[in-house]
Amino acid sequence: MAAVNYTVRLDETDKKLAEQVFNELGLTLAAGLNVYIKTVVRKRRIPFDLALDGTERVAAPPRSAITPEEKMKSFQALSGLLAGHVVDLDEERAERILKQ
Protein backbone atom coordinates (compact mmCIF):
# COMPACT_ATOMS: atom_id res chain seq x y z
CA MET A 1 0.00 0.00 0.00
CA ALA A 2 1.40 3.35 -0.99
CA ALA A 3 1.29 6.03 1.68
CA VAL A 4 0.16 9.55 0.84
CA ASN A 5 0.48 12.84 2.67
CA TYR A 6 -2.64 14.88 3.30
CA THR A 7 -2.77 18.29 4.95
CA VAL A 8 -5.64 19.07 7.32
CA ARG A 9 -6.43 22.45 8.88
CA LEU A 10 -7.43 22.14 12.54
CA ASP A 11 -8.21 24.53 15.32
CA GLU A 12 -5.04 24.68 17.42
CA THR A 13 -6.89 23.96 20.68
CA ASP A 14 -8.75 20.99 19.17
CA LYS A 15 -5.46 19.60 17.85
CA LYS A 16 -3.79 19.84 21.26
CA LEU A 17 -6.75 18.27 23.04
CA ALA A 18 -6.94 15.46 20.50
CA GLU A 19 -3.20 14.84 20.88
CA GLN A 20 -3.66 14.54 24.64
CA VAL A 21 -6.42 11.95 24.23
CA PHE A 22 -4.47 9.96 21.64
CA ASN A 23 -1.32 10.11 23.80
CA GLU A 24 -3.29 8.64 26.71
CA LEU A 25 -4.31 5.84 24.36
CA GLY A 26 -0.69 5.31 23.33
CA LEU A 27 -1.20 6.78 19.86
CA THR A 28 0.16 9.75 17.98
CA LEU A 29 -2.26 12.21 16.38
CA ALA A 30 -1.46 10.70 12.97
CA ALA A 31 -2.09 7.16 14.23
CA GLY A 32 -5.37 8.23 15.84
CA LEU A 33 -6.55 9.86 12.63
CA ASN A 34 -5.57 6.73 10.71
CA VAL A 35 -7.64 4.61 13.12
CA TYR A 36 -10.59 6.92 12.45
CA ILE A 37 -10.14 6.67 8.67
CA LYS A 38 -9.81 2.87 8.85
CA THR A 39 -13.01 2.71 10.91
CA VAL A 40 -14.84 4.81 8.30
CA VAL A 41 -13.60 2.49 5.55
CA ARG A 42 -14.38 -0.70 7.48
CA LYS A 43 -17.87 0.36 8.61
CA ARG A 44 -18.56 2.31 5.42
CA ARG A 45 -20.01 5.16 7.47
CA ILE A 46 -18.99 7.87 9.90
CA PRO A 47 -18.59 5.94 13.17
CA PHE A 48 -20.91 8.20 15.17
CA ASP A 49 -24.30 9.84 14.65
CA LEU A 50 -24.56 13.28 13.09
CA ALA A 51 -27.60 15.29 14.10
CA LEU A 52 -29.00 18.77 13.59
CA ASP A 53 -30.41 20.37 16.76
CA GLY A 54 -30.31 16.93 18.37
CA THR A 55 -33.30 15.67 16.39
CA GLU A 56 -32.75 15.35 12.65
CA ARG A 57 -30.30 12.81 11.30
CA VAL A 58 -28.04 13.63 8.39
CA ALA A 59 -28.56 11.07 5.64
CA ALA A 60 -25.62 8.79 4.99
CA PRO A 61 -24.04 9.04 1.54
CA PRO A 62 -24.71 6.18 -0.87
CA ARG A 63 -22.49 3.17 -0.29
CA SER A 64 -20.04 2.20 -2.96
CA ALA A 65 -18.92 -1.36 -3.50
CA ILE A 66 -15.69 -2.25 -1.71
CA THR A 67 -13.82 -5.16 -3.22
CA PRO A 68 -12.48 -7.99 -1.04
CA GLU A 69 -8.97 -6.85 -1.99
CA GLU A 70 -9.67 -3.34 -0.66
CA LYS A 71 -11.10 -4.82 2.55
CA MET A 72 -7.97 -6.94 3.01
CA LYS A 73 -5.69 -3.94 2.40
CA SER A 74 -7.64 -1.95 4.99
CA PHE A 75 -7.46 -4.79 7.49
CA GLN A 76 -3.73 -5.26 6.94
CA ALA A 77 -3.08 -1.52 7.28
CA LEU A 78 -5.11 -1.33 10.48
CA SER A 79 -3.41 -4.44 11.88
CA GLY A 80 -0.02 -2.88 11.20
CA LEU A 81 -1.13 0.42 12.69
CA LEU A 82 -2.37 -1.21 15.87
CA ALA A 83 0.57 -3.61 16.25
CA GLY A 84 1.74 -3.45 19.84
CA HIS A 85 -1.46 -1.79 21.08
CA VAL A 86 -4.15 -3.54 23.08
CA VAL A 87 -7.42 -3.54 21.21
CA ASP A 88 -10.69 -4.16 23.07
CA LEU A 89 -12.97 -6.03 20.69
CA ASP A 90 -15.84 -6.40 23.19
CA GLU A 91 -17.42 -3.14 22.01
CA GLU A 92 -17.15 -4.26 18.37
CA ARG A 93 -18.69 -7.64 19.24
CA ALA A 94 -21.53 -6.03 21.20
CA GLU A 95 -22.27 -3.67 18.33
CA ARG A 96 -22.55 -6.58 15.89
CA ILE A 97 -24.82 -8.53 18.25
CA LEU A 98 -27.11 -5.53 18.73
CA LYS A 99 -27.47 -5.08 14.97
CA GLN A 100 -28.69 -8.67 14.46
PDB file of N, CA and C in Angstrom:
ATOM      1  N   MET A   1       0.842  -1.162   0.000  1.00  0.00           N
ATOM      2  CA  MET A   1       0.000   0.000   0.000  1.00  0.00           C
ATOM      3  C   MET A   1       0.891   1.229   0.000  1.00  0.00           C
ATOM      4  N   ALA A   2       0.630   2.114  -0.921  1.00  0.00           N
ATOM      5  CA  ALA A   2       1.400   3.348  -0.991  1.00  0.00           C
ATOM      6  C   ALA A   2       0.839   4.361  -0.002  1.00  0.00           C
ATOM      7  N   ALA A   3       1.710   4.994   0.732  1.00  0.00           N
ATOM      8  CA  ALA A   3       1.295   6.025   1.683  1.00  0.00           C
ATOM      9  C   ALA A   3       1.220   7.364   0.965  1.00  0.00           C
ATOM     10  N   VAL A   4       0.290   8.201   1.399  1.00  0.00           N
ATOM     11  CA  VAL A   4       0.163   9.550   0.839  1.00  0.00           C
ATOM     12  C   VAL A   4       0.153  10.546   1.985  1.00  0.00           C
ATOM     13  N   ASN A   5       0.566  11.750   1.699  1.00  0.00           N
ATOM     14  CA  ASN A   5       0.483  12.839   2.667  1.00  0.00           C
ATOM     15  C   ASN A   5      -0.773  13.635   2.372  1.00  0.00           C
ATOM     16  N   TYR A   6      -1.423  14.094   3.442  1.00  0.00           N
ATOM     17  CA  TYR A   6      -2.637  14.876   3.299  1.00  0.00           C
ATOM     18  C   TYR A   6      -2.611  15.955   4.378  1.00  0.00           C
ATOM     19  N   THR A   7      -2.807  17.185   4.001  1.00  0.00           N
ATOM     20  CA  THR A   7      -2.771  18.289   4.948  1.00  0.00           C
ATOM     21  C   THR A   7      -4.182  18.605   5.416  1.00  0.00           C
ATOM     22  N   VAL A   8      -4.339  18.770   6.731  1.00  0.00           N
ATOM     23  CA  VAL A   8      -5.636  19.075   7.323  1.00  0.00           C
ATOM     24  C   VAL A   8      -5.501  20.321   8.181  1.00  0.00           C
ATOM     25  N   ARG A   9      -6.426  21.254   8.033  1.00  0.00           N
ATOM     26  CA  ARG A   9      -6.429  22.451   8.879  1.00  0.00           C
ATOM     27  C   ARG A   9      -7.298  22.164  10.099  1.00  0.00           C
ATOM     28  N   LEU A  10      -6.723  22.381  11.284  1.00  0.00           N
ATOM     29  CA  LEU A  10      -7.427  22.145  12.537  1.00  0.00           C
ATOM     30  C   LEU A  10      -7.328  23.372  13.423  1.00  0.00           C
ATOM     31  N   ASP A  11      -8.314  23.533  14.270  1.00  0.00           N
ATOM     32  CA  ASP A  11      -8.215  24.532  15.316  1.00  0.00           C
ATOM     33  C   ASP A  11      -7.081  24.090  16.246  1.00  0.00           C
ATOM     34  N   GLU A  12      -6.215  25.018  16.621  1.00  0.00           N
ATOM     35  CA  GLU A  12      -5.040  24.676  17.423  1.00  0.00           C
ATOM     36  C   GLU A  12      -5.421  24.021  18.753  1.00  0.00           C
ATOM     37  N   THR A  13      -6.449  24.537  19.397  1.00  0.00           N
ATOM     38  CA  THR A  13      -6.887  23.959  20.679  1.00  0.00           C
ATOM     39  C   THR A  13      -7.411  22.547  20.484  1.00  0.00           C
ATOM     40  N   ASP A  14      -8.234  22.334  19.446  1.00  0.00           N
ATOM     41  CA  ASP A  14      -8.749  20.992  19.167  1.00  0.00           C
ATOM     42  C   ASP A  14      -7.612  20.011  18.910  1.00  0.00           C
ATOM     43  N   LYS A  15      -6.606  20.458  18.158  1.00  0.00           N
ATOM     44  CA  LYS A  15      -5.463  19.599  17.854  1.00  0.00           C
ATOM     45  C   LYS A  15      -4.745  19.187  19.136  1.00  0.00           C
ATOM     46  N   LYS A  16      -4.493  20.152  20.012  1.00  0.00           N
ATOM     47  CA  LYS A  16      -3.786  19.844  21.263  1.00  0.00           C
ATOM     48  C   LYS A  16      -4.598  18.905  22.139  1.00  0.00           C
ATOM     49  N   LEU A  17      -5.900  19.148  22.229  1.00  0.00           N
ATOM     50  CA  LEU A  17      -6.752  18.275  23.038  1.00  0.00           C
ATOM     51  C   LEU A  17      -6.825  16.864  22.457  1.00  0.00           C
ATOM     52  N   ALA A  18      -6.917  16.775  21.137  1.00  0.00           N
ATOM     53  CA  ALA A  18      -6.937  15.458  20.496  1.00  0.00           C
ATOM     54  C   ALA A  18      -5.611  14.734  20.722  1.00  0.00           C
ATOM     55  N   GLU A  19      -4.503  15.453  20.621  1.00  0.00           N
ATOM     56  CA  GLU A  19      -3.198  14.843  20.875  1.00  0.00           C
ATOM     57  C   GLU A  19      -3.122  14.289  22.295  1.00  0.00           C
ATOM     58  N   GLN A  20      -3.674  15.014  23.260  1.00  0.00           N
ATOM     59  CA  GLN A  20      -3.663  14.536  24.644  1.00  0.00           C
ATOM     60  C   GLN A  20      -4.438  13.230  24.782  1.00  0.00           C
ATOM     61  N   VAL A  21      -5.612  13.173  24.155  1.00  0.00           N
ATOM     62  CA  VAL A  21      -6.421  11.951  24.226  1.00  0.00           C
ATOM     63  C   VAL A  21      -5.683  10.794  23.559  1.00  0.00           C
ATOM     64  N   PHE A  22      -5.177  11.031  22.347  1.00  0.00           N
ATOM     65  CA  PHE A  22      -4.472   9.959  21.638  1.00  0.00           C
ATOM     66  C   PHE A  22      -3.225   9.524  22.405  1.00  0.00           C
ATOM     67  N   ASN A  23      -2.503  10.471  23.007  1.00  0.00           N
ATOM     68  CA  ASN A  23      -1.325  10.112  23.797  1.00  0.00           C
ATOM     69  C   ASN A  23      -1.701   9.206  24.957  1.00  0.00           C
ATOM     70  N   GLU A  24      -2.826   9.494  25.618  1.00  0.00           N
ATOM     71  CA  GLU A  24      -3.289   8.640  26.709  1.00  0.00           C
ATOM     72  C   GLU A  24      -3.621   7.235  26.216  1.00  0.00           C
ATOM     73  N   LEU A  25      -4.014   7.137  24.961  1.00  0.00           N
ATOM     74  CA  LEU A  25      -4.310   5.838  24.357  1.00  0.00           C
ATOM     75  C   LEU A  25      -3.066   5.177  23.774  1.00  0.00           C
ATOM     76  N   GLY A  26      -1.932   5.854  23.872  1.00  0.00           N
ATOM     77  CA  GLY A  26      -0.690   5.315  23.327  1.00  0.00           C
ATOM     78  C   GLY A  26      -0.531   5.515  21.837  1.00  0.00           C
ATOM     79  N   LEU A  27      -1.241   6.508  21.303  1.00  0.00           N
ATOM     80  CA  LEU A  27      -1.199   6.782  19.864  1.00  0.00           C
ATOM     81  C   LEU A  27      -0.716   8.202  19.606  1.00  0.00           C
ATOM     82  N   THR A  28      -0.138   8.403  18.447  1.00  0.00           N
ATOM     83  CA  THR A  28       0.157   9.751  17.980  1.00  0.00           C
ATOM     84  C   THR A  28      -1.111  10.310  17.340  1.00  0.00           C
ATOM     85  N   LEU A  29      -1.118  11.607  17.069  1.00  0.00           N
ATOM     86  CA  LEU A  29      -2.262  12.207  16.379  1.00  0.00           C
ATOM     87  C   LEU A  29      -2.452  11.537  15.020  1.00  0.00           C
ATOM     88  N   ALA A  30      -1.376  11.329  14.290  1.00  0.00           N
ATOM     89  CA  ALA A  30      -1.464  10.700  12.967  1.00  0.00           C
ATOM     90  C   ALA A  30      -2.037   9.287  13.075  1.00  0.00           C
ATOM     91  N   ALA A  31      -1.589   8.518  14.057  1.00  0.00           N
ATOM     92  CA  ALA A  31      -2.094   7.156  14.231  1.00  0.00           C
ATOM     93  C   ALA A  31      -3.578   7.186  14.599  1.00  0.00           C
ATOM     94  N   GLY A  32      -3.966   8.115  15.463  1.00  0.00           N
ATOM     95  CA  GLY A  32      -5.373   8.232  15.839  1.00  0.00           C
ATOM     96  C   GLY A  32      -6.250   8.592  14.656  1.00  0.00           C
ATOM     97  N   LEU A  33      -5.790   9.504  13.825  1.00  0.00           N
ATOM     98  CA  LEU A  33      -6.553   9.862  12.628  1.00  0.00           C
ATOM     99  C   LEU A  33      -6.629   8.694  11.654  1.00  0.00           C
ATOM    100  N   ASN A  34      -5.546   7.919  11.566  1.00  0.00           N
ATOM    101  CA  ASN A  34      -5.568   6.733  10.707  1.00  0.00           C
ATOM    102  C   ASN A  34      -6.553   5.693  11.228  1.00  0.00           C
ATOM    103  N   VAL A  35      -6.648   5.528  12.548  1.00  0.00           N
ATOM    104  CA  VAL A  35      -7.636   4.610  13.118  1.00  0.00           C
ATOM    105  C   VAL A  35      -9.041   5.072  12.737  1.00  0.00           C
ATOM    106  N   TYR A  36      -9.287   6.373  12.834  1.00  0.00           N
ATOM    107  CA  TYR A  36     -10.587   6.919  12.453  1.00  0.00           C
ATOM    108  C   TYR A  36     -10.894   6.618  10.982  1.00  0.00           C
ATOM    109  N   ILE A  37      -9.941   6.908  10.101  1.00  0.00           N
ATOM    110  CA  ILE A  37     -10.144   6.669   8.666  1.00  0.00           C
ATOM    111  C   ILE A  37     -10.400   5.188   8.398  1.00  0.00           C
ATOM    112  N   LYS A  38      -9.623   4.313   9.046  1.00  0.00           N
ATOM    113  CA  LYS A  38      -9.806   2.871   8.847  1.00  0.00           C
ATOM    114  C   LYS A  38     -11.187   2.437   9.329  1.00  0.00           C
ATOM    115  N   THR A  39     -11.680   3.042  10.408  1.00  0.00           N
ATOM    116  CA  THR A  39     -13.013   2.712  10.906  1.00  0.00           C
ATOM    117  C   THR A  39     -14.084   3.156   9.914  1.00  0.00           C
ATOM    118  N   VAL A  40     -13.913   4.331   9.329  1.00  0.00           N
ATOM    119  CA  VAL A  40     -14.837   4.808   8.297  1.00  0.00           C
ATOM    120  C   VAL A  40     -14.861   3.832   7.131  1.00  0.00           C
ATOM    121  N   VAL A  41     -13.685   3.401   6.684  1.00  0.00           N
ATOM    122  CA  VAL A  41     -13.600   2.488   5.546  1.00  0.00           C
ATOM    123  C   VAL A  41     -14.224   1.137   5.894  1.00  0.00           C
ATOM    124  N   ARG A  42     -13.896   0.625   7.090  1.00  0.00           N
ATOM    125  CA  ARG A  42     -14.377  -0.700   7.484  1.00  0.00           C
ATOM    126  C   ARG A  42     -15.890  -0.711   7.669  1.00  0.00           C
ATOM    127  N   LYS A  43     -16.430   0.313   8.338  1.00  0.00           N
ATOM    128  CA  LYS A  43     -17.867   0.357   8.610  1.00  0.00           C
ATOM    129  C   LYS A  43     -18.670   0.972   7.470  1.00  0.00           C
ATOM    130  N   ARG A  44     -17.939   1.647   6.563  1.00  0.00           N
ATOM    131  CA  ARG A  44     -18.558   2.310   5.421  1.00  0.00           C
ATOM    132  C   ARG A  44     -19.547   3.382   5.867  1.00  0.00           C
ATOM    133  N   ARG A  45     -19.202   4.063   6.955  1.00  0.00           N
ATOM    134  CA  ARG A  45     -20.015   5.162   7.470  1.00  0.00           C
ATOM    135  C   ARG A  45     -19.173   5.943   8.470  1.00  0.00           C
ATOM    136  N   ILE A  46     -19.630   7.127   8.828  1.00  0.00           N
ATOM    137  CA  ILE A  46     -18.987   7.872   9.902  1.00  0.00           C
ATOM    138  C   ILE A  46     -19.327   7.125  11.188  1.00  0.00           C
ATOM    139  N   PRO A  47     -18.343   6.822  12.026  1.00  0.00           N
ATOM    140  CA  PRO A  47     -18.590   5.937  13.170  1.00  0.00           C
ATOM    141  C   PRO A  47     -19.286   6.598  14.368  1.00  0.00           C
ATOM    142  N   PHE A  48     -20.084   7.597  14.127  1.00  0.00           N
ATOM    143  CA  PHE A  48     -20.911   8.203  15.165  1.00  0.00           C
ATOM    144  C   PHE A  48     -22.064   8.899  14.468  1.00  0.00           C
ATOM    145  N   ASP A  49     -23.122   9.198  15.230  1.00  0.00           N
ATOM    146  CA  ASP A  49     -24.300   9.843  14.650  1.00  0.00           C
ATOM    147  C   ASP A  49     -24.053  11.331  14.455  1.00  0.00           C
ATOM    148  N   LEU A  50     -24.552  11.839  13.346  1.00  0.00           N
ATOM    149  CA  LEU A  50     -24.560  13.277  13.088  1.00  0.00           C
ATOM    150  C   LEU A  50     -26.004  13.734  13.207  1.00  0.00           C
ATOM    151  N   ALA A  51     -26.235  14.807  13.924  1.00  0.00           N
ATOM    152  CA  ALA A  51     -27.600  15.287  14.099  1.00  0.00           C
ATOM    153  C   ALA A  51     -27.631  16.801  14.030  1.00  0.00           C
ATOM    154  N   LEU A  52     -28.750  17.336  13.615  1.00  0.00           N
ATOM    155  CA  LEU A  52     -28.998  18.769  13.594  1.00  0.00           C
ATOM    156  C   LEU A  52     -29.957  19.081  14.736  1.00  0.00           C
ATOM    157  N   ASP A  53     -29.582  19.985  15.615  1.00  0.00           N
ATOM    158  CA  ASP A  53     -30.412  20.365  16.760  1.00  0.00           C
ATOM    159  C   ASP A  53     -30.815  19.163  17.608  1.00  0.00           C
ATOM    160  N   GLY A  54     -30.033  18.095  17.547  1.00  0.00           N
ATOM    161  CA  GLY A  54     -30.309  16.927  18.371  1.00  0.00           C
ATOM    162  C   GLY A  54     -31.481  16.090  17.921  1.00  0.00           C
ATOM    163  N   THR A  55     -32.114  16.424  16.793  1.00  0.00           N
ATOM    164  CA  THR A  55     -33.300  15.668  16.387  1.00  0.00           C
ATOM    165  C   THR A  55     -33.183  15.052  14.998  1.00  0.00           C
ATOM    166  N   GLU A  56     -32.800  15.847  14.020  1.00  0.00           N
ATOM    167  CA  GLU A  56     -32.754  15.353  12.646  1.00  0.00           C
ATOM    168  C   GLU A  56     -31.433  14.646  12.363  1.00  0.00           C
ATOM    169  N   ARG A  57     -31.498  13.547  11.676  1.00  0.00           N
ATOM    170  CA  ARG A  57     -30.305  12.805  11.296  1.00  0.00           C
ATOM    171  C   ARG A  57     -29.866  13.232   9.898  1.00  0.00           C
ATOM    172  N   VAL A  58     -28.576  13.327   9.710  1.00  0.00           N
ATOM    173  CA  VAL A  58     -28.043  13.626   8.387  1.00  0.00           C
ATOM    174  C   VAL A  58     -27.976  12.310   7.627  1.00  0.00           C
ATOM    175  N   ALA A  59     -28.533  12.298   6.427  1.00  0.00           N
ATOM    176  CA  ALA A  59     -28.558  11.069   5.636  1.00  0.00           C
ATOM    177  C   ALA A  59     -27.145  10.638   5.279  1.00  0.00           C
ATOM    178  N   ALA A  60     -26.916   9.346   5.355  1.00  0.00           N
ATOM    179  CA  ALA A  60     -25.618   8.793   4.985  1.00  0.00           C
ATOM    180  C   ALA A  60     -25.467   8.842   3.473  1.00  0.00           C
ATOM    181  N   PRO A  61     -24.245   9.052   2.988  1.00  0.00           N
ATOM    182  CA  PRO A  61     -24.035   9.043   1.543  1.00  0.00           C
ATOM    183  C   PRO A  61     -24.234   7.633   0.991  1.00  0.00           C
ATOM    184  N   PRO A  62     -24.525   7.509  -0.288  1.00  0.00           N
ATOM    185  CA  PRO A  62     -24.705   6.182  -0.871  1.00  0.00           C
ATOM    186  C   PRO A  62     -23.442   5.345  -0.711  1.00  0.00           C
ATOM    187  N   ARG A  63     -23.632   4.069  -0.475  1.00  0.00           N
ATOM    188  CA  ARG A  63     -22.494   3.174  -0.293  1.00  0.00           C
ATOM    189  C   ARG A  63     -21.957   2.720  -1.647  1.00  0.00           C
ATOM    190  N   SER A  64     -20.654   2.702  -1.742  1.00  0.00           N
ATOM    191  CA  SER A  64     -20.045   2.199  -2.960  1.00  0.00           C
ATOM    192  C   SER A  64     -19.512   0.803  -2.661  1.00  0.00           C
ATOM    193  N   ALA A  65     -19.388   0.010  -3.678  1.00  0.00           N
ATOM    194  CA  ALA A  65     -18.916  -1.357  -3.497  1.00  0.00           C
ATOM    195  C   ALA A  65     -17.433  -1.362  -3.149  1.00  0.00           C
ATOM    196  N   ILE A  66     -17.085  -2.081  -2.106  1.00  0.00           N
ATOM    197  CA  ILE A  66     -15.685  -2.247  -1.714  1.00  0.00           C
ATOM    198  C   ILE A  66     -15.300  -3.680  -2.043  1.00  0.00           C
ATOM    199  N   THR A  67     -14.251  -3.832  -2.813  1.00  0.00           N
ATOM    200  CA  THR A  67     -13.824  -5.158  -3.220  1.00  0.00           C
ATOM    201  C   THR A  67     -13.174  -5.896  -2.053  1.00  0.00           C
ATOM    202  N   PRO A  68     -13.158  -7.233  -2.094  1.00  0.00           N
ATOM    203  CA  PRO A  68     -12.478  -7.995  -1.045  1.00  0.00           C
ATOM    204  C   PRO A  68     -11.005  -7.611  -0.914  1.00  0.00           C
ATOM    205  N   GLU A  69     -10.373  -7.260  -2.026  1.00  0.00           N
ATOM    206  CA  GLU A  69      -8.966  -6.848  -1.986  1.00  0.00           C
ATOM    207  C   GLU A  69      -8.801  -5.556  -1.193  1.00  0.00           C
ATOM    208  N   GLU A  70      -9.722  -4.603  -1.400  1.00  0.00           N
ATOM    209  CA  GLU A  70      -9.671  -3.343  -0.659  1.00  0.00           C
ATOM    210  C   GLU A  70      -9.912  -3.574   0.825  1.00  0.00           C
ATOM    211  N   LYS A  71     -10.841  -4.491   1.152  1.00  0.00           N
ATOM    212  CA  LYS A  71     -11.096  -4.824   2.553  1.00  0.00           C
ATOM    213  C   LYS A  71      -9.850  -5.419   3.194  1.00  0.00           C
ATOM    214  N   MET A  72      -9.175  -6.309   2.469  1.00  0.00           N
ATOM    215  CA  MET A  72      -7.973  -6.944   3.010  1.00  0.00           C
ATOM    216  C   MET A  72      -6.870  -5.914   3.204  1.00  0.00           C
ATOM    217  N   LYS A  73      -6.695  -4.995   2.252  1.00  0.00           N
ATOM    218  CA  LYS A  73      -5.687  -3.941   2.400  1.00  0.00           C
ATOM    219  C   LYS A  73      -5.984  -3.090   3.629  1.00  0.00           C
ATOM    220  N   SER A  74      -7.260  -2.745   3.829  1.00  0.00           N
ATOM    221  CA  SER A  74      -7.640  -1.947   4.990  1.00  0.00           C
ATOM    222  C   SER A  74      -7.358  -2.701   6.281  1.00  0.00           C
ATOM    223  N   PHE A  75      -7.705  -3.974   6.300  1.00  0.00           N
ATOM    224  CA  PHE A  75      -7.464  -4.785   7.495  1.00  0.00           C
ATOM    225  C   PHE A  75      -5.970  -4.890   7.783  1.00  0.00           C
ATOM    226  N   GLN A  76      -5.175  -5.140   6.751  1.00  0.00           N
ATOM    227  CA  GLN A  76      -3.730  -5.263   6.942  1.00  0.00           C
ATOM    228  C   GLN A  76      -3.126  -3.947   7.422  1.00  0.00           C
ATOM    229  N   ALA A  77      -3.588  -2.832   6.864  1.00  0.00           N
ATOM    230  CA  ALA A  77      -3.078  -1.524   7.281  1.00  0.00           C
ATOM    231  C   ALA A  77      -3.444  -1.248   8.732  1.00  0.00           C
ATOM    232  N   LEU A  78      -4.686  -1.545   9.101  1.00  0.00           N
ATOM    233  CA  LEU A  78      -5.113  -1.328  10.483  1.00  0.00           C
ATOM    234  C   LEU A  78      -4.363  -2.252  11.431  1.00  0.00           C
ATOM    235  N   SER A  79      -4.162  -3.500  11.043  1.00  0.00           N
ATOM    236  CA  SER A  79      -3.415  -4.443  11.878  1.00  0.00           C
ATOM    237  C   SER A  79      -2.003  -3.932  12.113  1.00  0.00           C
ATOM    238  N   GLY A  80      -1.366  -3.424  11.064  1.00  0.00           N
ATOM    239  CA  GLY A  80      -0.020  -2.877  11.202  1.00  0.00           C
ATOM    240  C   GLY A  80      -0.015  -1.642  12.069  1.00  0.00           C
ATOM    241  N   LEU A  81      -1.031  -0.812  11.923  1.00  0.00           N
ATOM    242  CA  LEU A  81      -1.131   0.420  12.692  1.00  0.00           C
ATOM    243  C   LEU A  81      -1.305   0.136  14.177  1.00  0.00           C
ATOM    244  N   LEU A  82      -2.073  -0.898  14.478  1.00  0.00           N
ATOM    245  CA  LEU A  82      -2.367  -1.213  15.870  1.00  0.00           C
ATOM    246  C   LEU A  82      -1.397  -2.223  16.480  1.00  0.00           C
ATOM    247  N   ALA A  83      -0.404  -2.646  15.723  1.00  0.00           N
ATOM    248  CA  ALA A  83       0.570  -3.607  16.253  1.00  0.00           C
ATOM    249  C   ALA A  83       1.182  -3.056  17.532  1.00  0.00           C
ATOM    250  N   GLY A  84       1.171  -3.865  18.570  1.00  0.00           N
ATOM    251  CA  GLY A  84       1.743  -3.446  19.835  1.00  0.00           C
ATOM    252  C   GLY A  84       0.775  -2.713  20.740  1.00  0.00           C
ATOM    253  N   HIS A  85      -0.445  -2.462  20.268  1.00  0.00           N
ATOM    254  CA  HIS A  85      -1.458  -1.793  21.082  1.00  0.00           C
ATOM    255  C   HIS A  85      -2.543  -2.791  21.454  1.00  0.00           C
ATOM    256  N   VAL A  86      -3.055  -2.687  22.648  1.00  0.00           N
ATOM    257  CA  VAL A  86      -4.146  -3.541  23.083  1.00  0.00           C
ATOM    258  C   VAL A  86      -5.430  -3.022  22.466  1.00  0.00           C
ATOM    259  N   VAL A  87      -6.176  -3.915  21.837  1.00  0.00           N
ATOM    260  CA  VAL A  87      -7.424  -3.536  21.206  1.00  0.00           C
ATOM    261  C   VAL A  87      -8.558  -4.292  21.900  1.00  0.00           C
ATOM    262  N   ASP A  88      -9.541  -3.559  22.400  1.00  0.00           N
ATOM    263  CA  ASP A  88     -10.688  -4.165  23.065  1.00  0.00           C
ATOM    264  C   ASP A  88     -11.757  -4.417  22.021  1.00  0.00           C
ATOM    265  N   LEU A  89     -12.000  -5.682  21.719  1.00  0.00           N
ATOM    266  CA  LEU A  89     -12.970  -6.027  20.692  1.00  0.00           C
ATOM    267  C   LEU A  89     -14.364  -6.255  21.264  1.00  0.00           C
ATOM    268  N   ASP A  90     -14.528  -6.172  22.589  1.00  0.00           N
ATOM    269  CA  ASP A  90     -15.842  -6.398  23.194  1.00  0.00           C
ATOM    270  C   ASP A  90     -16.865  -5.412  22.669  1.00  0.00           C
ATOM    271  N   GLU A  91     -16.491  -4.138  22.513  1.00  0.00           N
ATOM    272  CA  GLU A  91     -17.424  -3.139  22.007  1.00  0.00           C
ATOM    273  C   GLU A  91     -17.831  -3.477  20.581  1.00  0.00           C
ATOM    274  N   GLU A  92     -16.862  -3.883  19.752  1.00  0.00           N
ATOM    275  CA  GLU A  92     -17.152  -4.255  18.365  1.00  0.00           C
ATOM    276  C   GLU A  92     -18.104  -5.447  18.335  1.00  0.00           C
ATOM    277  N   ARG A  93     -17.842  -6.458  19.164  1.00  0.00           N
ATOM    278  CA  ARG A  93     -18.692  -7.640  19.236  1.00  0.00           C
ATOM    279  C   ARG A  93     -20.106  -7.267  19.672  1.00  0.00           C
ATOM    280  N   ALA A  94     -20.216  -6.440  20.697  1.00  0.00           N
ATOM    281  CA  ALA A  94     -21.526  -6.030  21.203  1.00  0.00           C
ATOM    282  C   ALA A  94     -22.299  -5.278  20.132  1.00  0.00           C
ATOM    283  N   GLU A  95     -21.611  -4.429  19.382  1.00  0.00           N
ATOM    284  CA  GLU A  95     -22.269  -3.669  18.331  1.00  0.00           C
ATOM    285  C   GLU A  95     -22.849  -4.597  17.258  1.00  0.00           C
ATOM    286  N   ARG A  96     -22.066  -5.628  16.879  1.00  0.00           N
ATOM    287  CA  ARG A  96     -22.551  -6.583  15.885  1.00  0.00           C
ATOM    288  C   ARG A  96     -23.761  -7.368  16.400  1.00  0.00           C
ATOM    289  N   ILE A  97     -23.713  -7.754  17.674  1.00  0.00           N
ATOM    290  CA  ILE A  97     -24.823  -8.527  18.247  1.00  0.00           C
ATOM    291  C   ILE A  97     -26.092  -7.692  18.284  1.00  0.00           C
ATOM    292  N   LEU A  98     -25.958  -6.402  18.663  1.00  0.00           N
ATOM    293  CA  LEU A  98     -27.114  -5.529  18.735  1.00  0.00           C
ATOM    294  C   LEU A  98     -27.741  -5.284  17.369  1.00  0.00           C
ATOM    295  N   LYS A  99     -26.946  -5.330  16.317  1.00  0.00           N
ATOM    296  CA  LYS A  99     -27.471  -5.079  14.965  1.00  0.00           C
ATOM    297  C   LYS A  99     -28.229  -6.283  14.409  1.00  0.00           C
ATOM    298  N   GLN A 100     -28.030  -7.448  14.991  1.00  0.00           N
ATOM    299  CA  GLN A 100     -28.688  -8.674  14.463  1.00  0.00           C
ATOM    300  C   GLN A 100     -30.128  -8.769  14.841  1.00  0.00           C
TER     301      GLN A 100
END
